[in-house]
């Protein structure tokens, strides 16, 4: 039983974290559909990286992020 309780607690923590991610992203202007997509990626063990950059630096920042395991909600895969 203790292992089951620990697993349930871990699931609740992960679920709460995902909910916090959704709120944080939508509060920052990310569309809710995309926020849910990113939260699911984190729930599955991924890492979410965000960056606030000046418009002039956005193409460079995007290029840096794309060199990693970039995930685009438009592609529909997590």
PDB file of N, CA and C in Angstrom:
ATOM      1  N   UNK A   1       0.794  -1.209   0.000  1.00  0.00           N
ATOM      2  CA  UNK A   1       0.000   0.000   0.000  1.00  0.00           C
ATOM      3  C   UNK A   1       0.834   1.270   0.000  1.00  0.00           C
ATOM      4  N   UNK A   2       1.941   1.364   0.750  1.00  0.00           N
ATOM      5  CA  UNK A   2       2.704   2.612   0.744  1.00  0.00           C
ATOM      6  C   UNK A   2       3.183   3.010  -0.648  1.00  0.00           C
ATOM      7  N   UNK A   3       3.572   2.025  -1.474  1.00  0.00           N
ATOM      8  CA  UNK A   3       4.044   2.356  -2.821  1.00  0.00           C
ATOM      9  C   UNK A   3       2.917   2.968  -3.643  1.00  0.00           C
ATOM     10  N   UNK A   4       1.700   2.439  -3.483  1.00  0.00           N
ATOM     11  CA  UNK A   4       0.551   2.980  -4.206  1.00  0.00           C
ATOM     12  C   UNK A   4       0.270   4.406  -3.757  1.00  0.00           C
ATOM     13  N   UNK A   5       0.334   4.643  -2.463  1.00  0.00           N
ATOM     14  CA  UNK A   5       0.107   5.989  -1.945  1.00  0.00           C
ATOM     15  C   UNK A   5       1.168   6.951  -2.463  1.00  0.00           C
ATOM     16  N   UNK A   6       2.414   6.484  -2.520  1.00  0.00           N
ATOM     17  CA  UNK A   6       3.492   7.335  -3.028  1.00  0.00           C
ATOM     18  C   UNK A   6       3.272   7.638  -4.503  1.00  0.00           C
ATOM     19  N   UNK A   7       2.847   6.634  -5.263  1.00  0.00           N
ATOM     20  CA  UNK A   7       2.573   6.848  -6.689  1.00  0.00           C
ATOM     21  C   UNK A   7       1.438   7.819  -6.903  1.00  0.00           C
ATOM     22  N   UNK A   8       0.385   7.694  -6.105  1.00  0.00           N
ATOM     23  CA  UNK A   8      -0.746   8.614  -6.204  1.00  0.00           C
ATOM     24  C   UNK A   8      -0.321  10.030  -5.844  1.00  0.00           C
ATOM     25  N   UNK A   9       0.506  10.159  -4.814  1.00  0.00           N
ATOM     26  CA  UNK A   9       0.988  11.484  -4.411  1.00  0.00           C
ATOM     27  C   UNK A   9       1.850  12.095  -5.502  1.00  0.00           C
ATOM     28  N   UNK A  10       2.703  11.296  -6.112  1.00  0.00           N
ATOM     29  CA  UNK A  10       3.552  11.800  -7.202  1.00  0.00           C
ATOM     30  C   UNK A  10       2.698  12.240  -8.377  1.00  0.00           C
ATOM     31  N   UNK A  11       1.656  11.483  -8.670  1.00  0.00           N
ATOM     32  CA  UNK A  11       0.752  11.859  -9.752  1.00  0.00           C
ATOM     33  C   UNK A  11       0.035  13.155  -9.471  1.00  0.00           C
ATOM     34  N   UNK A  12      -0.383  13.338  -8.223  1.00  0.00           N
ATOM     35  CA  UNK A  12      -1.062  14.572  -7.840  1.00  0.00           C
ATOM     36  C   UNK A  12      -0.127  15.767  -7.953  1.00  0.00           C
ATOM     37  N   UNK A  13       1.123  15.593  -7.549  1.00  0.00           N
ATOM     38  CA  UNK A  13       2.106  16.675  -7.659  1.00  0.00           C
ATOM     39  C   UNK A  13       2.340  17.020  -9.119  1.00  0.00           C
ATOM     40  N   UNK A  14       2.508  16.005  -9.960  1.00  0.00           N
ATOM     41  CA  UNK A  14       2.731  16.242 -11.392  1.00  0.00           C
ATOM     42  C   UNK A  14       1.528  16.933 -12.009  1.00  0.00           C
ATOM     43  N   UNK A  15       0.330  16.509 -11.639  1.00  0.00           N
ATOM     44  CA  UNK A  15      -0.877  17.142 -12.157  1.00  0.00           C
ATOM     45  C   UNK A  15      -0.983  18.586 -11.729  1.00  0.00           C
ATOM     46  N   UNK A  16      -0.645  18.858 -10.470  1.00  0.00           N
ATOM     47  CA  UNK A  16      -0.666  20.230  -9.979  1.00  0.00           C
ATOM     48  C   UNK A  16       0.351  21.099 -10.683  1.00  0.00           C
ATOM     49  N   UNK A  17       1.518  20.531 -10.941  1.00  0.00           N
ATOM     50  CA  UNK A  17       2.563  21.271 -11.648  1.00  0.00           C
ATOM     51  C   UNK A  17       2.109  21.601 -13.061  1.00  0.00           C
ATOM     52  N   UNK A  18       1.471  20.627 -13.724  1.00  0.00           N
ATOM     53  CA  UNK A  18       0.993  20.865 -15.086  1.00  0.00           C
ATOM     54  C   UNK A  18      -0.059  21.971 -15.090  1.00  0.00           C
ATOM     55  N   UNK A  19      -0.949  21.959 -14.090  1.00  0.00           N
ATOM     56  CA  UNK A  19      -1.951  23.018 -13.996  1.00  0.00           C
ATOM     57  C   UNK A  19      -1.313  24.378 -13.800  1.00  0.00           C
ATOM     58  N   UNK A  20      -0.260  24.431 -12.998  1.00  0.00           N
ATOM     59  CA  UNK A  20       0.458  25.686 -12.789  1.00  0.00           C
ATOM     60  C   UNK A  20       1.138  26.167 -14.054  1.00  0.00           C
ATOM     61  N   UNK A  21       1.646  25.233 -14.841  1.00  0.00           N
ATOM     62  CA  UNK A  21       2.287  25.590 -16.109  1.00  0.00           C
ATOM     63  C   UNK A  21       1.258  26.198 -17.052  1.00  0.00           C
ATOM     64  N   UNK A  22       0.086  25.586 -17.117  1.00  0.00           N
ATOM     65  CA  UNK A  22      -0.963  26.093 -18.011  1.00  0.00           C
ATOM     66  C   UNK A  22      -1.346  27.510 -17.634  1.00  0.00           C
ATOM     67  N   UNK A  23      -1.570  27.739 -16.350  1.00  0.00           N
ATOM     68  CA  UNK A  23      -1.939  29.083 -15.883  1.00  0.00           C
ATOM     69  C   UNK A  23      -0.825  30.079 -16.189  1.00  0.00           C
ATOM     70  N   UNK A  24       0.409  29.696 -15.894  1.00  0.00           N
ATOM     71  CA  UNK A  24       1.533  30.592 -16.144  1.00  0.00           C
ATOM     72  C   UNK A  24       1.683  30.946 -17.622  1.00  0.00           C
ATOM     73  N   UNK A  25       1.537  29.948 -18.481  1.00  0.00           N
ATOM     74  CA  UNK A  25       1.686  30.194 -19.914  1.00  0.00           C
ATOM     75  C   UNK A  25       0.542  31.041 -20.463  1.00  0.00           C
ATOM     76  N   UNK A  26      -0.693  30.693 -20.095  1.00  0.00           N
ATOM     77  CA  UNK A  26      -1.817  31.472 -20.617  1.00  0.00           C
ATOM     78  C   UNK A  26      -1.792  32.899 -20.080  1.00  0.00           C
ATOM     79  N   UNK A  27      -1.300  33.078 -18.855  1.00  0.00           N
ATOM     80  CA  UNK A  27      -1.167  34.430 -18.305  1.00  0.00           C
ATOM     81  C   UNK A  27      -0.129  35.243 -19.064  1.00  0.00           C
ATOM     82  N   UNK A  28       0.798  34.531 -19.701  1.00  0.00           N
ATOM     83  CA  UNK A  28       1.845  35.197 -20.475  1.00  0.00           C
ATOM     84  C   UNK A  28       1.471  35.363 -21.944  1.00  0.00           C
ATOM     85  N   UNK A  29       0.255  34.958 -22.299  1.00  0.00           N
ATOM     86  CA  UNK A  29      -0.212  35.169 -23.659  1.00  0.00           C
ATOM     87  C   UNK A  29      -0.147  33.951 -24.572  1.00  0.00           C
ATOM     88  N   UNK A  30       0.252  32.803 -24.045  1.00  0.00           N
ATOM     89  CA  UNK A  30       0.286  31.580 -24.847  1.00  0.00           C
ATOM     90  C   UNK A  30      -1.150  31.080 -24.998  1.00  0.00           C
ATOM     91  N   UNK A  31      -1.573  30.731 -26.210  1.00  0.00           N
ATOM     92  CA  UNK A  31      -2.927  30.201 -26.383  1.00  0.00           C
ATOM     93  C   UNK A  31      -3.145  28.963 -25.505  1.00  0.00           C
ATOM     94  N   UNK A  32      -4.360  28.820 -24.960  1.00  0.00           N
ATOM     95  CA  UNK A  32      -4.640  27.729 -24.024  1.00  0.00           C
ATOM     96  C   UNK A  32      -4.357  26.358 -24.645  1.00  0.00           C
ATOM     97  N   UNK A  33      -4.686  26.176 -25.914  1.00  0.00           N
ATOM     98  CA  UNK A  33      -4.434  24.885 -26.574  1.00  0.00           C
ATOM     99  C   UNK A  33      -2.939  24.556 -26.548  1.00  0.00           C
ATOM    100  N   UNK A  34      -2.107  25.536 -26.857  1.00  0.00           N
ATOM    101  CA  UNK A  34      -0.658  25.331 -26.834  1.00  0.00           C
ATOM    102  C   UNK A  34      -0.160  25.084 -25.412  1.00  0.00           C
ATOM    103  N   UNK A  35      -0.726  25.807 -24.437  1.00  0.00           N
ATOM    104  CA  UNK A  35      -0.320  25.636 -23.040  1.00  0.00           C
ATOM    105  C   UNK A  35      -0.579  24.204 -22.580  1.00  0.00           C
ATOM    106  N   UNK A  36      -1.720  23.643 -22.952  1.00  0.00           N
ATOM    107  CA  UNK A  36      -2.017  22.249 -22.592  1.00  0.00           C
ATOM    108  C   UNK A  36      -1.025  21.300 -23.264  1.00  0.00           C
ATOM    109  N   UNK A  37      -0.679  21.590 -24.498  1.00  0.00           N
ATOM    110  CA  UNK A  37       0.292  20.781 -25.238  1.00  0.00           C
ATOM    111  C   UNK A  37       1.644  20.773 -24.517  1.00  0.00           C
ATOM    112  N   UNK A  38       2.117  21.950 -24.138  1.00  0.00           N
ATOM    113  CA  UNK A  38       3.397  22.046 -23.440  1.00  0.00           C
ATOM    114  C   UNK A  38       3.341  21.368 -22.068  1.00  0.00           C
ATOM    115  N   UNK A  39       2.234  21.550 -21.343  1.00  0.00           N
ATOM    116  CA  UNK A  39       2.091  20.924 -20.028  1.00  0.00           C
ATOM    117  C   UNK A  39       2.129  19.404 -20.147  1.00  0.00           C
ATOM    118  N   UNK A  40       1.536  18.856 -21.191  1.00  0.00           N
ATOM    119  CA  UNK A  40       1.580  17.407 -21.398  1.00  0.00           C
ATOM    120  C   UNK A  40       3.016  16.949 -21.641  1.00  0.00           C
ATOM    121  N   UNK A  41       3.770  17.723 -22.378  1.00  0.00           N
ATOM    122  CA  UNK A  41       5.180  17.386 -22.596  1.00  0.00           C
ATOM    123  C   UNK A  41       5.959  17.346 -21.293  1.00  0.00           C
ATOM    124  N   UNK A  42       5.699  18.297 -20.415  1.00  0.00           N
ATOM    125  CA  UNK A  42       6.361  18.324 -19.105  1.00  0.00           C
ATOM    126  C   UNK A  42       5.895  17.134 -18.268  1.00  0.00           C
ATOM    127  N   UNK A  43       4.599  16.840 -18.310  1.00  0.00           N
ATOM    128  CA  UNK A  43       4.063  15.705 -17.562  1.00  0.00           C
ATOM    129  C   UNK A  43       4.743  14.403 -17.997  1.00  0.00           C
ATOM    130  N   UNK A  44       5.114  14.322 -19.266  1.00  0.00           N
ATOM    131  CA  UNK A  44       5.775  13.128 -19.791  1.00  0.00           C
ATOM    132  C   UNK A  44       7.280  13.130 -19.556  1.00  0.00           C
ATOM    133  N   UNK A  45       7.763  14.120 -18.832  1.00  0.00           N
ATOM    134  CA  UNK A  45       9.177  14.145 -18.477  1.00  0.00           C
ATOM    135  C   UNK A  45      10.020  15.118 -19.265  1.00  0.00           C
ATOM    136  N   UNK A  46       9.397  15.894 -20.142  1.00  0.00           N
ATOM    137  CA  UNK A  46      10.138  16.867 -20.930  1.00  0.00           C
ATOM    138  C   UNK A  46      10.470  18.117 -20.126  1.00  0.00           C
ATOM    139  N   UNK A  47      11.207  18.986 -20.729  1.00  0.00           N
ATOM    140  CA  UNK A  47      11.600  20.249 -20.117  1.00  0.00           C
ATOM    141  C   UNK A  47      11.036  21.386 -20.948  1.00  0.00           C
ATOM    142  N   UNK A  48      10.464  22.356 -20.300  1.00  0.00           N
ATOM    143  CA  UNK A  48       9.916  23.519 -20.978  1.00  0.00           C
ATOM    144  C   UNK A  48      10.889  24.674 -20.817  1.00  0.00           C
ATOM    145  N   UNK A  49      11.297  25.242 -21.930  1.00  0.00           N
ATOM    146  CA  UNK A  49      12.198  26.395 -21.904  1.00  0.00           C
ATOM    147  C   UNK A  49      11.473  27.556 -22.567  1.00  0.00           C
ATOM    148  N   UNK A  50      11.410  28.665 -21.874  1.00  0.00           N
ATOM    149  CA  UNK A  50      10.839  29.872 -22.453  1.00  0.00           C
ATOM    150  C   UNK A  50      11.896  30.966 -22.405  1.00  0.00           C
ATOM    151  N   UNK A  51      11.757  31.900 -23.297  1.00  0.00           N
ATOM    152  CA  UNK A  51      12.706  33.013 -23.320  1.00  0.00           C
ATOM    153  C   UNK A  51      11.964  34.278 -23.730  1.00  0.00           C
ATOM    154  N   UNK A  52      12.225  35.333 -23.035  1.00  0.00           N
ATOM    155  CA  UNK A  52      11.673  36.631 -23.393  1.00  0.00           C
ATOM    156  C   UNK A  52      12.823  37.436 -23.987  1.00  0.00           C
ATOM    157  N   UNK A  53      12.724  37.707 -25.272  1.00  0.00           N
ATOM    158  CA  UNK A  53      13.806  38.412 -25.961  1.00  0.00           C
ATOM    159  C   UNK A  53      13.230  39.579 -26.763  1.00  0.00           C
ATOM    160  N   UNK A  54      14.092  40.505 -27.085  1.00  0.00           N
ATOM    161  CA  UNK A  54      13.692  41.617 -27.940  1.00  0.00           C
ATOM    162  C   UNK A  54      13.335  41.074 -29.315  1.00  0.00           C
ATOM    163  N   UNK A  55      12.421  41.737 -29.994  1.00  0.00           N
ATOM    164  CA  UNK A  55      11.978  41.282 -31.315  1.00  0.00           C
ATOM    165  C   UNK A  55      13.139  41.049 -32.270  1.00  0.00           C
ATOM    166  N   UNK A  56      14.132  41.917 -32.215  1.00  0.00           N
ATOM    167  CA  UNK A  56      15.273  41.805 -33.124  1.00  0.00           C
ATOM    168  C   UNK A  56      16.077  40.524 -32.879  1.00  0.00           C
ATOM    169  N   UNK A  57      16.026  39.984 -31.662  1.00  0.00           N
ATOM    170  CA  UNK A  57      16.789  38.785 -31.319  1.00  0.00           C
ATOM    171  C   UNK A  57      15.964  37.503 -31.432  1.00  0.00           C
ATOM    172  N   UNK A  58      14.658  37.621 -31.711  1.00  0.00           N
ATOM    173  CA  UNK A  58      13.783  36.453 -31.759  1.00  0.00           C
ATOM    174  C   UNK A  58      14.244  35.397 -32.771  1.00  0.00           C
ATOM    175  N   UNK A  59      14.640  35.760 -33.995  1.00  0.00           N
ATOM    176  CA  UNK A  59      15.089  34.721 -34.931  1.00  0.00           C
ATOM    177  C   UNK A  59      16.313  33.948 -34.418  1.00  0.00           C
ATOM    178  N   UNK A  60      17.247  34.637 -33.785  1.00  0.00           N
ATOM    179  CA  UNK A  60      18.435  33.970 -33.239  1.00  0.00           C
ATOM    180  C   UNK A  60      18.059  33.053 -32.081  1.00  0.00           C
ATOM    181  N   UNK A  61      17.186  33.533 -31.196  1.00  0.00           N
ATOM    182  CA  UNK A  61      16.750  32.717 -30.057  1.00  0.00           C
ATOM    183  C   UNK A  61      16.018  31.470 -30.550  1.00  0.00           C
ATOM    184  N   UNK A  62      15.164  31.622 -31.542  1.00  0.00           N
ATOM    185  CA  UNK A  62      14.439  30.480 -32.098  1.00  0.00           C
ATOM    186  C   UNK A  62      15.398  29.478 -32.733  1.00  0.00           C
ATOM    187  N   UNK A  63      16.394  29.972 -33.437  1.00  0.00           N
ATOM    188  CA  UNK A  63      17.382  29.083 -34.057  1.00  0.00           C
ATOM    189  C   UNK A  63      18.140  28.274 -32.995  1.00  0.00           C
ATOM    190  N   UNK A  64      18.475  28.914 -31.891  1.00  0.00           N
ATOM    191  CA  UNK A  64      19.173  28.214 -30.794  1.00  0.00           C
ATOM    192  C   UNK A  64      18.278  27.119 -30.230  1.00  0.00           C
ATOM    193  N   UNK A  65      17.018  27.454 -29.971  1.00  0.00           N
ATOM    194  CA  UNK A  65      16.095  26.465 -29.404  1.00  0.00           C
ATOM    195  C   UNK A  65      15.835  25.318 -30.381  1.00  0.00           C
ATOM    196  N   UNK A  66      15.768  25.608 -31.662  1.00  0.00           N
ATOM    197  CA  UNK A  66      15.501  24.559 -32.655  1.00  0.00           C
ATOM    198  C   UNK A  66      16.645  23.554 -32.775  1.00  0.00           C
ATOM    199  N   UNK A  67      17.836  23.924 -32.310  1.00  0.00           N
ATOM    200  CA  UNK A  67      18.962  22.978 -32.354  1.00  0.00           C
ATOM    201  C   UNK A  67      18.813  21.891 -31.289  1.00  0.00           C
ATOM    202  N   UNK A  68      17.907  22.103 -30.349  1.00  0.00           N
ATOM    203  CA  UNK A  68      17.642  21.084 -29.332  1.00  0.00           C
ATOM    204  C   UNK A  68      16.479  20.228 -29.814  1.00  0.00           C
ATOM    205  N   UNK A  69      15.864  19.504 -28.932  1.00  0.00           N
ATOM    206  CA  UNK A  69      14.720  18.663 -29.280  1.00  0.00           C
ATOM    207  C   UNK A  69      13.461  19.521 -29.319  1.00  0.00           C
ATOM    208  N   UNK A  70      13.408  20.425 -30.254  1.00  0.00           N
ATOM    209  CA  UNK A  70      12.337  21.399 -30.418  1.00  0.00           C
ATOM    210  C   UNK A  70      11.004  20.693 -30.653  1.00  0.00           C
ATOM    211  N   UNK A  71       9.951  21.140 -29.985  1.00  0.00           N
ATOM    212  CA  UNK A  71       8.607  20.603 -30.203  1.00  0.00           C
ATOM    213  C   UNK A  71       7.697  21.768 -30.540  1.00  0.00           C
ATOM    214  N   UNK A  72       7.001  21.644 -31.659  1.00  0.00           N
ATOM    215  CA  UNK A  72       6.111  22.694 -32.126  1.00  0.00           C
ATOM    216  C   UNK A  72       4.665  22.182 -32.026  1.00  0.00           C
ATOM    217  N   UNK A  73       3.782  22.892 -31.305  1.00  0.00           N
ATOM    218  CA  UNK A  73       2.384  22.428 -31.192  1.00  0.00           C
ATOM    219  C   UNK A  73       1.726  22.250 -32.558  1.00  0.00           C
ATOM    220  N   UNK A  74       2.134  23.010 -33.547  1.00  0.00           N
ATOM    221  CA  UNK A  74       1.552  22.884 -34.884  1.00  0.00           C
ATOM    222  C   UNK A  74       1.829  21.526 -35.495  1.00  0.00           C
ATOM    223  N   UNK A  75       2.924  20.885 -35.075  1.00  0.00           N
ATOM    224  CA  UNK A  75       3.267  19.566 -35.588  1.00  0.00           C
ATOM    225  C   UNK A  75       2.480  18.462 -34.864  1.00  0.00           C
ATOM    226  N   UNK A  76       1.929  18.788 -33.693  1.00  0.00           N
ATOM    227  CA  UNK A  76       1.058  17.882 -32.967  1.00  0.00           C
ATOM    228  C   UNK A  76       1.695  16.666 -32.348  1.00  0.00           C
ATOM    229  N   UNK A  77       2.964  16.714 -32.027  1.00  0.00           N
ATOM    230  CA  UNK A  77       3.578  15.564 -31.360  1.00  0.00           C
ATOM    231  C   UNK A  77       4.191  16.033 -30.044  1.00  0.00           C
ATOM    232  N   UNK A  78       4.139  15.172 -29.064  1.00  0.00           N
ATOM    233  CA  UNK A  78       4.755  15.472 -27.759  1.00  0.00           C
ATOM    234  C   UNK A  78       5.849  14.464 -27.531  1.00  0.00           C
TER     235      UNK A  78
END
